[in-house]
């Protein structure tokens, strides 16, 4: 997952948790590495 905020940029895999700046809702997602996602394997 590619995350951007202002001038900061991050590429992350695994569980990601973030709080929405607009509504304060908690968002969670788990991202597999790009090579595993392309081949259909789970991490």
PDB file of N, CA and C in Angstrom:
ATOM      1  N   UNK A   1       0.852  -1.163   0.000  1.00  0.00           N
ATOM      2  CA  UNK A   1       0.000   0.000   0.000  1.00  0.00           C
ATOM      3  C   UNK A   1       0.899   1.227   0.000  1.00  0.00           C
ATOM      4  N   UNK A   2       0.552   2.183  -0.826  1.00  0.00           N
ATOM      5  CA  UNK A   2       1.311   3.428  -0.927  1.00  0.00           C
ATOM      6  C   UNK A   2       0.520   4.502  -0.184  1.00  0.00           C
ATOM      7  N   UNK A   3       1.089   5.046   0.897  1.00  0.00           N
ATOM      8  CA  UNK A   3       0.435   6.081   1.704  1.00  0.00           C
ATOM      9  C   UNK A   3       1.130   7.410   1.469  1.00  0.00           C
ATOM     10  N   UNK A   4       0.328   8.468   1.300  1.00  0.00           N
ATOM     11  CA  UNK A   4       0.885   9.808   1.126  1.00  0.00           C
ATOM     12  C   UNK A   4       0.147  10.780   2.038  1.00  0.00           C
ATOM     13  N   UNK A   5       0.889  11.664   2.687  1.00  0.00           N
ATOM     14  CA  UNK A   5       0.322  12.763   3.466  1.00  0.00           C
ATOM     15  C   UNK A   5       1.259  13.947   3.349  1.00  0.00           C
ATOM     16  N   UNK A   6       0.789  14.995   2.738  1.00  0.00           N
ATOM     17  CA  UNK A   6       1.596  16.177   2.450  1.00  0.00           C
ATOM     18  C   UNK A   6       2.866  15.742   1.713  1.00  0.00           C
ATOM     19  N   UNK A   7       4.057  15.964   2.277  1.00  0.00           N
ATOM     20  CA  UNK A   7       5.287  15.593   1.569  1.00  0.00           C
ATOM     21  C   UNK A   7       5.807  14.210   1.964  1.00  0.00           C
ATOM     22  N   UNK A   8       5.211  13.572   2.963  1.00  0.00           N
ATOM     23  CA  UNK A   8       5.655  12.236   3.403  1.00  0.00           C
ATOM     24  C   UNK A   8       4.999  11.151   2.548  1.00  0.00           C
ATOM     25  N   UNK A   9       5.780  10.132   2.182  1.00  0.00           N
ATOM     26  CA  UNK A   9       5.272   9.005   1.421  1.00  0.00           C
ATOM     27  C   UNK A   9       5.835   7.721   2.018  1.00  0.00           C
ATOM     28  N   UNK A  10       4.972   6.687   2.120  1.00  0.00           N
ATOM     29  CA  UNK A  10       5.367   5.404   2.697  1.00  0.00           C
ATOM     30  C   UNK A  10       4.820   4.277   1.841  1.00  0.00           C
ATOM     31  N   UNK A  11       5.570   3.191   1.746  1.00  0.00           N
ATOM     32  CA  UNK A  11       5.089   1.959   1.133  1.00  0.00           C
ATOM     33  C   UNK A  11       5.110   0.914   2.236  1.00  0.00           C
ATOM     34  N   UNK A  12       3.936   0.349   2.554  1.00  0.00           N
ATOM     35  CA  UNK A  12       3.826  -0.569   3.685  1.00  0.00           C
ATOM     36  C   UNK A  12       3.128  -1.868   3.274  1.00  0.00           C
ATOM     37  N   UNK A  13       3.419  -2.941   4.019  1.00  0.00           N
ATOM     38  CA  UNK A  13       2.698  -4.202   3.901  1.00  0.00           C
ATOM     39  C   UNK A  13       2.289  -4.619   5.308  1.00  0.00           C
ATOM     40  N   UNK A  14       1.336  -5.527   5.386  1.00  0.00           N
ATOM     41  CA  UNK A  14       0.857  -5.980   6.690  1.00  0.00           C
ATOM     42  C   UNK A  14      -0.324  -5.148   7.151  1.00  0.00           C
ATOM     43  N   UNK A  15      -0.637  -5.207   8.448  1.00  0.00           N
ATOM     44  CA  UNK A  15      -1.792  -4.465   8.953  1.00  0.00           C
ATOM     45  C   UNK A  15      -1.517  -2.960   9.033  1.00  0.00           C
ATOM     46  N   UNK A  16      -2.486  -2.171   8.577  1.00  0.00           N
ATOM     47  CA  UNK A  16      -2.391  -0.708   8.624  1.00  0.00           C
ATOM     48  C   UNK A  16      -3.636  -0.184   9.315  1.00  0.00           C
ATOM     49  N   UNK A  17      -3.458   0.670  10.317  1.00  0.00           N
ATOM     50  CA  UNK A  17      -4.569   1.281  11.046  1.00  0.00           C
ATOM     51  C   UNK A  17      -4.397   2.795  10.965  1.00  0.00           C
ATOM     52  N   UNK A  18      -5.486   3.496  10.623  1.00  0.00           N
ATOM     53  CA  UNK A  18      -5.434   4.952  10.522  1.00  0.00           C
ATOM     54  C   UNK A  18      -6.753   5.540  11.002  1.00  0.00           C
ATOM     55  N   UNK A  19      -6.697   6.735  11.541  1.00  0.00           N
ATOM     56  CA  UNK A  19      -7.896   7.453  11.968  1.00  0.00           C
ATOM     57  C   UNK A  19      -8.164   8.551  10.946  1.00  0.00           C
ATOM     58  N   UNK A  20      -9.397   8.592  10.431  1.00  0.00           N
ATOM     59  CA  UNK A  20      -9.791   9.588   9.447  1.00  0.00           C
ATOM     60  C   UNK A  20      -9.720  10.982  10.065  1.00  0.00           C
ATOM     61  N   UNK A  21      -9.047  11.909   9.383  1.00  0.00           N
ATOM     62  CA  UNK A  21      -8.929  13.277   9.895  1.00  0.00           C
ATOM     63  C   UNK A  21     -10.247  14.027   9.802  1.00  0.00           C
ATOM     64  N   UNK A  22     -11.143  13.601   8.916  1.00  0.00           N
ATOM     65  CA  UNK A  22     -12.416  14.289   8.730  1.00  0.00           C
ATOM     66  C   UNK A  22     -13.483  13.841   9.741  1.00  0.00           C
ATOM     67  N   UNK A  23     -13.657  12.499   9.905  1.00  0.00           N
ATOM     68  CA  UNK A  23     -14.762  12.009  10.743  1.00  0.00           C
ATOM     69  C   UNK A  23     -14.300  11.229  11.979  1.00  0.00           C
ATOM     70  N   UNK A  24     -12.996  11.050  12.163  1.00  0.00           N
ATOM     71  CA  UNK A  24     -12.400  10.331  13.299  1.00  0.00           C
ATOM     72  C   UNK A  24     -12.727   8.843  13.326  1.00  0.00           C
ATOM     73  N   UNK A  25     -13.175   8.273  12.193  1.00  0.00           N
ATOM     74  CA  UNK A  25     -13.456   6.839  12.126  1.00  0.00           C
ATOM     75  C   UNK A  25     -12.151   6.064  12.003  1.00  0.00           C
ATOM     76  N   UNK A  26     -12.084   4.912  12.679  1.00  0.00           N
ATOM     77  CA  UNK A  26     -10.916   4.048  12.624  1.00  0.00           C
ATOM     78  C   UNK A  26     -10.993   3.182  11.368  1.00  0.00           C
ATOM     79  N   UNK A  27      -9.953   3.188  10.558  1.00  0.00           N
ATOM     80  CA  UNK A  27      -9.875   2.388   9.340  1.00  0.00           C
ATOM     81  C   UNK A  27      -8.745   1.387   9.492  1.00  0.00           C
ATOM     82  N   UNK A  28      -8.994   0.127   9.124  1.00  0.00           N
ATOM     83  CA  UNK A  28      -7.988  -0.926   9.211  1.00  0.00           C
ATOM     84  C   UNK A  28      -7.980  -1.733   7.919  1.00  0.00           C
ATOM     85  N   UNK A  29      -6.794  -2.105   7.456  1.00  0.00           N
ATOM     86  CA  UNK A  29      -6.648  -2.941   6.270  1.00  0.00           C
ATOM     87  C   UNK A  29      -5.365  -3.745   6.417  1.00  0.00           C
ATOM     88  N   UNK A  30      -5.341  -4.945   5.860  1.00  0.00           N
ATOM     89  CA  UNK A  30      -4.128  -5.748   5.830  1.00  0.00           C
ATOM     90  C   UNK A  30      -3.706  -5.899   4.374  1.00  0.00           C
ATOM     91  N   UNK A  31      -2.472  -5.501   4.082  1.00  0.00           N
ATOM     92  CA  UNK A  31      -1.956  -5.532   2.715  1.00  0.00           C
ATOM     93  C   UNK A  31      -0.874  -6.595   2.596  1.00  0.00           C
ATOM     94  N   UNK A  32      -0.983  -7.418   1.562  1.00  0.00           N
ATOM     95  CA  UNK A  32       0.032  -8.424   1.283  1.00  0.00           C
ATOM     96  C   UNK A  32       1.146  -7.790   0.456  1.00  0.00           C
ATOM     97  N   UNK A  33       2.362  -8.339   0.512  1.00  0.00           N
ATOM     98  CA  UNK A  33       3.437  -7.844  -0.356  1.00  0.00           C
ATOM     99  C   UNK A  33       3.024  -7.936  -1.821  1.00  0.00           C
ATOM    100  N   UNK A  34       3.526  -7.057  -2.656  1.00  0.00           N
ATOM    101  CA  UNK A  34       3.126  -6.994  -4.063  1.00  0.00           C
ATOM    102  C   UNK A  34       3.361  -8.301  -4.803  1.00  0.00           C
ATOM    103  N   UNK A  35       4.476  -8.993  -4.565  1.00  0.00           N
ATOM    104  CA  UNK A  35       4.740 -10.235  -5.292  1.00  0.00           C
ATOM    105  C   UNK A  35       3.761 -11.338  -4.892  1.00  0.00           C
ATOM    106  N   UNK A  36       3.324 -11.389  -3.624  1.00  0.00           N
ATOM    107  CA  UNK A  36       2.357 -12.391  -3.179  1.00  0.00           C
ATOM    108  C   UNK A  36       0.965 -12.066  -3.722  1.00  0.00           C
ATOM    109  N   UNK A  37       0.613 -10.784  -3.787  1.00  0.00           N
ATOM    110  CA  UNK A  37      -0.694 -10.389  -4.287  1.00  0.00           C
ATOM    111  C   UNK A  37      -0.805 -10.697  -5.781  1.00  0.00           C
ATOM    112  N   UNK A  38       0.268 -10.503  -6.525  1.00  0.00           N
ATOM    113  CA  UNK A  38       0.252 -10.762  -7.969  1.00  0.00           C
ATOM    114  C   UNK A  38       0.128 -12.249  -8.278  1.00  0.00           C
ATOM    115  N   UNK A  39       0.693 -13.113  -7.435  1.00  0.00           N
ATOM    116  CA  UNK A  39       0.655 -14.534  -7.699  1.00  0.00           C
ATOM    117  C   UNK A  39      -0.560 -15.216  -7.061  1.00  0.00           C
ATOM    118  N   UNK A  40      -1.348 -14.447  -6.287  1.00  0.00           N
ATOM    119  CA  UNK A  40      -2.543 -15.006  -5.672  1.00  0.00           C
ATOM    120  C   UNK A  40      -2.292 -15.695  -4.342  1.00  0.00           C
ATOM    121  N   UNK A  41      -1.070 -15.648  -3.836  1.00  0.00           N
ATOM    122  CA  UNK A  41      -0.751 -16.264  -2.530  1.00  0.00           C
ATOM    123  C   UNK A  41      -1.088 -15.296  -1.414  1.00  0.00           C
ATOM    124  N   UNK A  42      -1.433 -15.859  -0.260  1.00  0.00           N
ATOM    125  CA  UNK A  42      -1.652 -15.038   0.932  1.00  0.00           C
ATOM    126  C   UNK A  42      -0.352 -14.931   1.713  1.00  0.00           C
ATOM    127  N   UNK A  43      -0.158 -13.803   2.384  1.00  0.00           N
ATOM    128  CA  UNK A  43       1.077 -13.599   3.167  1.00  0.00           C
ATOM    129  C   UNK A  43       0.975 -14.243   4.514  1.00  0.00           C
TER     130      UNK A  43
END
